[in-house]
């Protein structure tokens, strides 16, 4: 459990340090993400981004557990 928490913490630190470069990637603006703007209301549903993130996380966790 301790090793898992340390790994997650290090991953968060790395993502935080790389954020200026990661924010330039088109993640979150993929085809399949729904964006509706009507007046002062904005609805955003990142369907494709969530699907890709889920698949990548599943593959990474599968590889780590082997």
N, C-alpha and C. Protein backbone atom coordinates (compact mmCIF):
# COMPACT_ATOMS: atom_id res chain seq x y z
N UNK A 1 0.83 -1.19 0.00
CA UNK A 1 0.00 0.00 0.00
C UNK A 1 0.87 1.25 0.00
N UNK A 2 1.95 1.25 0.78
CA UNK A 2 2.83 2.41 0.85
C UNK A 2 3.48 2.68 -0.49
N UNK A 3 3.93 1.61 -1.15
CA UNK A 3 4.58 1.76 -2.45
C UNK A 3 3.61 2.35 -3.48
N UNK A 4 2.37 1.94 -3.42
CA UNK A 4 1.36 2.47 -4.34
C UNK A 4 1.13 3.96 -4.11
N UNK A 5 1.02 4.37 -2.87
CA UNK A 5 0.81 5.78 -2.56
C UNK A 5 2.01 6.64 -2.97
N UNK A 6 3.20 6.13 -2.76
CA UNK A 6 4.40 6.86 -3.17
C UNK A 6 4.45 6.98 -4.69
N UNK A 7 4.10 5.92 -5.40
CA UNK A 7 4.08 5.95 -6.86
C UNK A 7 3.07 6.96 -7.38
N UNK A 8 1.88 6.96 -6.79
CA UNK A 8 0.85 7.92 -7.20
C UNK A 8 1.31 9.35 -6.92
N UNK A 9 1.93 9.56 -5.76
CA UNK A 9 2.44 10.89 -5.42
C UNK A 9 3.51 11.35 -6.39
N UNK A 10 4.43 10.48 -6.73
CA UNK A 10 5.48 10.84 -7.70
C UNK A 10 4.89 11.12 -9.08
N UNK A 11 3.89 10.35 -9.47
CA UNK A 11 3.24 10.59 -10.76
C UNK A 11 2.56 11.96 -10.78
N UNK A 12 1.93 12.34 -9.67
CA UNK A 12 1.29 13.65 -9.59
C UNK A 12 2.32 14.78 -9.65
N UNK A 13 3.45 14.59 -9.00
CA UNK A 13 4.52 15.60 -9.04
C UNK A 13 5.05 15.74 -10.46
N UNK A 14 5.27 14.64 -11.14
CA UNK A 14 5.79 14.68 -12.51
C UNK A 14 4.80 15.37 -13.44
N UNK A 15 3.52 15.03 -13.31
CA UNK A 15 2.49 15.68 -14.14
C UNK A 15 2.43 17.17 -13.84
N UNK A 16 2.56 17.53 -12.58
CA UNK A 16 2.55 18.95 -12.20
C UNK A 16 3.72 19.71 -12.79
N UNK A 17 4.89 19.09 -12.81
CA UNK A 17 6.07 19.74 -13.38
C UNK A 17 5.99 19.84 -14.90
N UNK A 18 5.36 18.86 -15.53
CA UNK A 18 5.24 18.85 -16.99
C UNK A 18 3.99 19.56 -17.50
N UNK A 19 3.18 20.12 -16.60
CA UNK A 19 1.90 20.70 -16.99
C UNK A 19 2.00 21.79 -18.07
N UNK A 20 2.99 22.68 -18.05
CA UNK A 20 3.06 23.68 -19.13
C UNK A 20 3.14 23.06 -20.53
N UNK A 21 3.79 21.92 -20.65
CA UNK A 21 3.90 21.25 -21.94
C UNK A 21 2.71 20.35 -22.21
N UNK A 22 2.18 19.74 -21.18
CA UNK A 22 1.03 18.85 -21.35
C UNK A 22 -0.24 19.61 -21.73
N UNK A 23 -0.36 20.85 -21.27
CA UNK A 23 -1.56 21.64 -21.58
C UNK A 23 -1.62 22.02 -23.05
N UNK A 24 -0.54 21.91 -23.77
CA UNK A 24 -0.52 22.22 -25.20
C UNK A 24 -1.02 21.07 -26.06
N UNK A 25 -1.11 19.87 -25.48
CA UNK A 25 -1.61 18.72 -26.22
C UNK A 25 -3.11 18.86 -26.46
N UNK A 26 -3.61 18.28 -27.55
CA UNK A 26 -5.04 18.44 -27.86
C UNK A 26 -5.95 17.54 -27.04
N UNK A 27 -5.48 17.03 -25.90
CA UNK A 27 -6.32 16.19 -25.06
C UNK A 27 -7.39 17.06 -24.42
N UNK A 28 -8.63 16.63 -24.51
CA UNK A 28 -9.74 17.42 -23.99
C UNK A 28 -10.46 18.17 -25.09
N UNK A 29 -9.91 18.11 -26.29
CA UNK A 29 -10.55 18.74 -27.44
C UNK A 29 -10.61 17.74 -28.60
N UNK A 30 -10.88 16.51 -28.27
CA UNK A 30 -10.89 15.45 -29.28
C UNK A 30 -12.26 15.36 -29.95
N UNK A 31 -12.28 14.84 -31.18
CA UNK A 31 -13.58 14.55 -31.79
C UNK A 31 -14.32 13.53 -30.93
N UNK A 32 -15.54 13.76 -30.64
CA UNK A 32 -16.31 12.89 -29.76
C UNK A 32 -16.58 13.54 -28.42
N UNK A 33 -15.83 14.59 -28.08
CA UNK A 33 -16.12 15.37 -26.88
C UNK A 33 -17.26 16.33 -27.21
N UNK A 34 -18.20 16.42 -26.31
CA UNK A 34 -19.40 17.23 -26.56
C UNK A 34 -19.24 18.58 -25.87
N UNK A 35 -19.43 19.65 -26.63
CA UNK A 35 -19.37 21.01 -26.10
C UNK A 35 -20.59 21.76 -26.62
N UNK A 36 -21.43 22.20 -25.70
CA UNK A 36 -22.63 22.96 -26.07
C UNK A 36 -22.59 24.28 -25.33
N UNK A 37 -22.67 25.37 -26.09
CA UNK A 37 -22.72 26.72 -25.52
C UNK A 37 -24.03 27.38 -25.93
N UNK A 38 -24.78 27.78 -24.93
CA UNK A 38 -26.05 28.48 -25.17
C UNK A 38 -26.12 29.65 -24.21
N UNK A 39 -25.91 30.83 -24.70
CA UNK A 39 -25.96 32.01 -23.85
C UNK A 39 -24.85 31.97 -22.80
N UNK A 40 -25.25 32.03 -21.54
CA UNK A 40 -24.28 32.03 -20.44
C UNK A 40 -23.98 30.62 -19.92
N UNK A 41 -24.59 29.60 -20.52
CA UNK A 41 -24.44 28.23 -20.03
C UNK A 41 -23.55 27.45 -20.99
N UNK A 42 -22.58 26.74 -20.43
CA UNK A 42 -21.70 25.88 -21.21
C UNK A 42 -21.75 24.48 -20.63
N UNK A 43 -21.99 23.50 -21.49
CA UNK A 43 -21.99 22.09 -21.09
C UNK A 43 -20.87 21.39 -21.83
N UNK A 44 -20.00 20.71 -21.08
CA UNK A 44 -18.87 20.00 -21.69
C UNK A 44 -18.85 18.58 -21.17
N UNK A 45 -18.87 17.61 -22.06
CA UNK A 45 -18.81 16.19 -21.70
C UNK A 45 -17.67 15.55 -22.49
N UNK A 46 -16.54 15.32 -21.84
CA UNK A 46 -15.36 14.77 -22.54
C UNK A 46 -15.46 13.26 -22.73
N UNK A 47 -16.35 12.80 -23.60
CA UNK A 47 -16.59 11.38 -23.78
C UNK A 47 -15.37 10.65 -24.36
N UNK A 48 -14.84 11.13 -25.46
CA UNK A 48 -13.70 10.46 -26.10
C UNK A 48 -12.45 10.57 -25.25
N UNK A 49 -12.23 11.72 -24.63
CA UNK A 49 -11.07 11.89 -23.76
C UNK A 49 -11.14 10.92 -22.58
N UNK A 50 -12.31 10.76 -21.99
CA UNK A 50 -12.49 9.82 -20.89
C UNK A 50 -12.29 8.38 -21.32
N UNK A 51 -12.75 8.05 -22.51
CA UNK A 51 -12.60 6.69 -23.03
C UNK A 51 -11.12 6.37 -23.26
N UNK A 52 -10.39 7.29 -23.88
CA UNK A 52 -8.97 7.08 -24.14
C UNK A 52 -8.19 7.01 -22.83
N UNK A 53 -8.49 7.88 -21.89
CA UNK A 53 -7.82 7.86 -20.59
C UNK A 53 -8.08 6.54 -19.87
N UNK A 54 -9.30 6.03 -19.95
CA UNK A 54 -9.65 4.77 -19.31
C UNK A 54 -8.88 3.61 -19.93
N UNK A 55 -8.80 3.57 -21.24
CA UNK A 55 -8.08 2.49 -21.92
C UNK A 55 -6.59 2.56 -21.58
N UNK A 56 -6.01 3.75 -21.62
CA UNK A 56 -4.59 3.89 -21.30
C UNK A 56 -4.30 3.48 -19.86
N UNK A 57 -5.13 3.91 -18.94
CA UNK A 57 -4.93 3.56 -17.54
C UNK A 57 -5.09 2.05 -17.32
N UNK A 58 -6.04 1.44 -18.01
CA UNK A 58 -6.22 -0.01 -17.90
C UNK A 58 -5.00 -0.77 -18.42
N UNK A 59 -4.46 -0.33 -19.54
CA UNK A 59 -3.27 -0.98 -20.10
C UNK A 59 -2.07 -0.80 -19.18
N UNK A 60 -1.89 0.38 -18.63
CA UNK A 60 -0.76 0.64 -17.74
C UNK A 60 -0.88 -0.20 -16.48
N UNK A 61 -2.06 -0.25 -15.88
CA UNK A 61 -2.24 -1.04 -14.66
C UNK A 61 -2.11 -2.54 -14.95
N UNK A 62 -2.56 -2.99 -16.10
CA UNK A 62 -2.40 -4.38 -16.49
C UNK A 62 -0.90 -4.72 -16.62
N UNK A 63 -0.14 -3.82 -17.25
CA UNK A 63 1.30 -4.07 -17.43
C UNK A 63 2.04 -4.05 -16.09
N UNK A 64 1.63 -3.19 -15.18
CA UNK A 64 2.29 -3.10 -13.88
C UNK A 64 2.04 -4.35 -13.05
N UNK A 65 0.85 -4.89 -13.14
CA UNK A 65 0.49 -6.06 -12.33
C UNK A 65 1.09 -7.37 -12.85
N UNK A 66 1.58 -7.39 -14.08
CA UNK A 66 2.17 -8.62 -14.63
C UNK A 66 3.53 -8.80 -14.13
